[in-house]
Amino acid sequence: MIKLFIYISFICLISSNSYAYLDPGTGGSLLQIILGMFAAAASVVAYYWNKVKVFFLELFKKNNDKENPKKKDESQ
């Protein structure tokens, strides 16, 4: 762990400035990418959560129907 800290410190000390320019459009693009990733992840979670919920609802519904079967005459 100490070797890693020393290595990272050494790299930070010998690095030079990059003189890069990030215009405001770059920040907006990065923000859109991050928000899009969160929206996609939320959609995937909601999709599979719904599938799990429906599975368990059908599982318990089938068990309840087996315990109390209806007669043919009552269903009509």
C-alpha atoms as a PDB file:
ATOM      1  CA  MET A   1       0.000   0.000   0.000  1.00  0.00           C
ATOM      2  CA  ILE A   2       2.827   2.377   0.837  1.00  0.00           C
ATOM      3  CA  LYS A   3       4.607   1.499  -2.402  1.00  0.00           C
ATOM      4  CA  LEU A   4       1.481   2.407  -4.336  1.00  0.00           C
ATOM      5  CA  PHE A   5       1.211   5.746  -2.527  1.00  0.00           C
ATOM      6  CA  ILE A   6       4.859   6.532  -3.228  1.00  0.00           C
ATOM      7  CA  TYR A   7       4.455   5.541  -6.886  1.00  0.00           C
ATOM      8  CA  ILE A   8       1.385   7.755  -7.375  1.00  0.00           C
ATOM      9  CA  SER A   9       3.059  10.652  -5.558  1.00  0.00           C
ATOM     10  CA  PHE A  10       6.128  10.325  -7.760  1.00  0.00           C
ATOM     11  CA  ILE A  11       4.009  10.372 -10.917  1.00  0.00           C
ATOM     12  CA  CYS A  12       2.121  13.468  -9.738  1.00  0.00           C
ATOM     13  CA  LEU A  13       5.364  15.281  -8.938  1.00  0.00           C
ATOM     14  CA  ILE A  14       7.016  14.674 -12.297  1.00  0.00           C
ATOM     15  CA  SER A  15       3.946  15.311 -14.457  1.00  0.00           C
ATOM     16  CA  SER A  16       3.840  18.473 -16.506  1.00  0.00           C
ATOM     17  CA  ASN A  17       0.933  20.743 -17.393  1.00  0.00           C
ATOM     18  CA  SER A  18      -1.102  19.706 -20.401  1.00  0.00           C
ATOM     19  CA  TYR A  19      -2.414  23.171 -21.344  1.00  0.00           C
ATOM     20  CA  ALA A  20      -5.663  21.624 -22.549  1.00  0.00           C
ATOM     21  CA  TYR A  21      -8.753  23.686 -23.171  1.00  0.00           C
ATOM     22  CA  LEU A  22     -12.173  22.398 -22.219  1.00  0.00           C
ATOM     23  CA  ASP A  23     -14.896  24.657 -23.548  1.00  0.00           C
ATOM     24  CA  PRO A  24     -18.366  24.851 -21.918  1.00  0.00           C
ATOM     25  CA  GLY A  25     -19.796  22.529 -24.577  1.00  0.00           C
ATOM     26  CA  THR A  26     -17.533  19.733 -23.380  1.00  0.00           C
ATOM     27  CA  GLY A  27     -18.882  19.983 -19.858  1.00  0.00           C
ATOM     28  CA  GLY A  28     -22.442  19.901 -21.155  1.00  0.00           C
ATOM     29  CA  SER A  29     -21.698  16.846 -23.252  1.00  0.00           C
ATOM     30  CA  LEU A  30     -20.160  15.036 -20.300  1.00  0.00           C
ATOM     31  CA  LEU A  31     -23.182  15.901 -18.165  1.00  0.00           C
ATOM     32  CA  GLN A  32     -25.543  14.544 -20.823  1.00  0.00           C
ATOM     33  CA  ILE A  33     -23.557  11.323 -21.053  1.00  0.00           C
ATOM     34  CA  ILE A  34     -23.639  10.821 -17.282  1.00  0.00           C
ATOM     35  CA  LEU A  35     -27.373  11.594 -17.024  1.00  0.00           C
ATOM     36  CA  GLY A  36     -28.090   9.294 -19.966  1.00  0.00           C
ATOM     37  CA  MET A  37     -26.220   6.461 -18.279  1.00  0.00           C
ATOM     38  CA  PHE A  38     -28.247   6.943 -15.081  1.00  0.00           C
ATOM     39  CA  ALA A  39     -31.514   7.016 -17.061  1.00  0.00           C
ATOM     40  CA  ALA A  40     -30.587   3.822 -18.929  1.00  0.00           C
ATOM     41  CA  ALA A  41     -29.636   2.064 -15.696  1.00  0.00           C
ATOM     42  CA  ALA A  42     -32.920   3.139 -14.069  1.00  0.00           C
ATOM     43  CA  SER A  43     -34.877   1.825 -17.065  1.00  0.00           C
ATOM     44  CA  VAL A  44     -33.143  -1.549 -16.929  1.00  0.00           C
ATOM     45  CA  VAL A  45     -33.765  -1.856 -13.187  1.00  0.00           C
ATOM     46  CA  ALA A  46     -37.444  -0.911 -13.584  1.00  0.00           C
ATOM     47  CA  TYR A  47     -37.898  -3.393 -16.452  1.00  0.00           C
ATOM     48  CA  TYR A  48     -36.469  -6.342 -14.562  1.00  0.00           C
ATOM     49  CA  TRP A  49     -38.106  -5.328 -11.271  1.00  0.00           C
ATOM     50  CA  ASN A  50     -41.465  -5.479 -13.027  1.00  0.00           C
ATOM     51  CA  LYS A  51     -40.694  -8.964 -14.384  1.00  0.00           C
ATOM     52  CA  VAL A  52     -39.730 -10.195 -10.902  1.00  0.00           C
ATOM     53  CA  LYS A  53     -42.852  -8.647  -9.383  1.00  0.00           C
ATOM     54  CA  VAL A  54     -45.148 -10.229 -11.980  1.00  0.00           C
ATOM     55  CA  PHE A  55     -43.442 -13.612 -11.500  1.00  0.00           C
ATOM     56  CA  PHE A  56     -44.087 -13.611  -7.758  1.00  0.00           C
ATOM     57  CA  LEU A  57     -47.647 -12.326  -8.155  1.00  0.00           C
ATOM     58  CA  GLU A  58     -48.438 -15.142 -10.589  1.00  0.00           C
ATOM     59  CA  LEU A  59     -46.695 -17.681  -8.357  1.00  0.00           C
ATOM     60  CA  PHE A  60     -48.804 -16.790  -5.332  1.00  0.00           C
ATOM     61  CA  LYS A  61     -51.967 -16.439  -7.442  1.00  0.00           C
ATOM     62  CA  LYS A  62     -51.558 -19.968  -8.808  1.00  0.00           C
ATOM     63  CA  ASN A  63     -51.033 -21.368  -5.322  1.00  0.00           C
ATOM     64  CA  ASN A  64     -54.202 -19.640  -4.136  1.00  0.00           C
ATOM     65  CA  ASP A  65     -56.212 -21.003  -7.080  1.00  0.00           C
ATOM     66  CA  LYS A  66     -55.055 -24.558  -6.361  1.00  0.00           C
ATOM     67  CA  GLU A  67     -56.260 -24.328  -2.783  1.00  0.00           C
ATOM     68  CA  ASN A  68     -59.727 -23.014  -3.754  1.00  0.00           C
ATOM     69  CA  PRO A  69     -60.660 -24.457  -7.156  1.00  0.00           C
ATOM     70  CA  LYS A  70     -63.877 -23.143  -8.698  1.00  0.00           C
ATOM     71  CA  LYS A  71     -66.538 -25.415 -10.046  1.00  0.00           C
ATOM     72  CA  LYS A  72     -67.449 -25.188 -13.738  1.00  0.00           C
ATOM     73  CA  ASP A  73     -70.975 -24.006 -12.962  1.00  0.00           C
ATOM     74  CA  GLU A  74     -69.790 -21.124 -10.761  1.00  0.00           C
ATOM     75  CA  SER A  75     -67.490 -19.689 -13.427  1.00  0.00           C
ATOM     76  CA  GLN A  76     -70.351 -19.092 -15.888  1.00  0.00           C
END
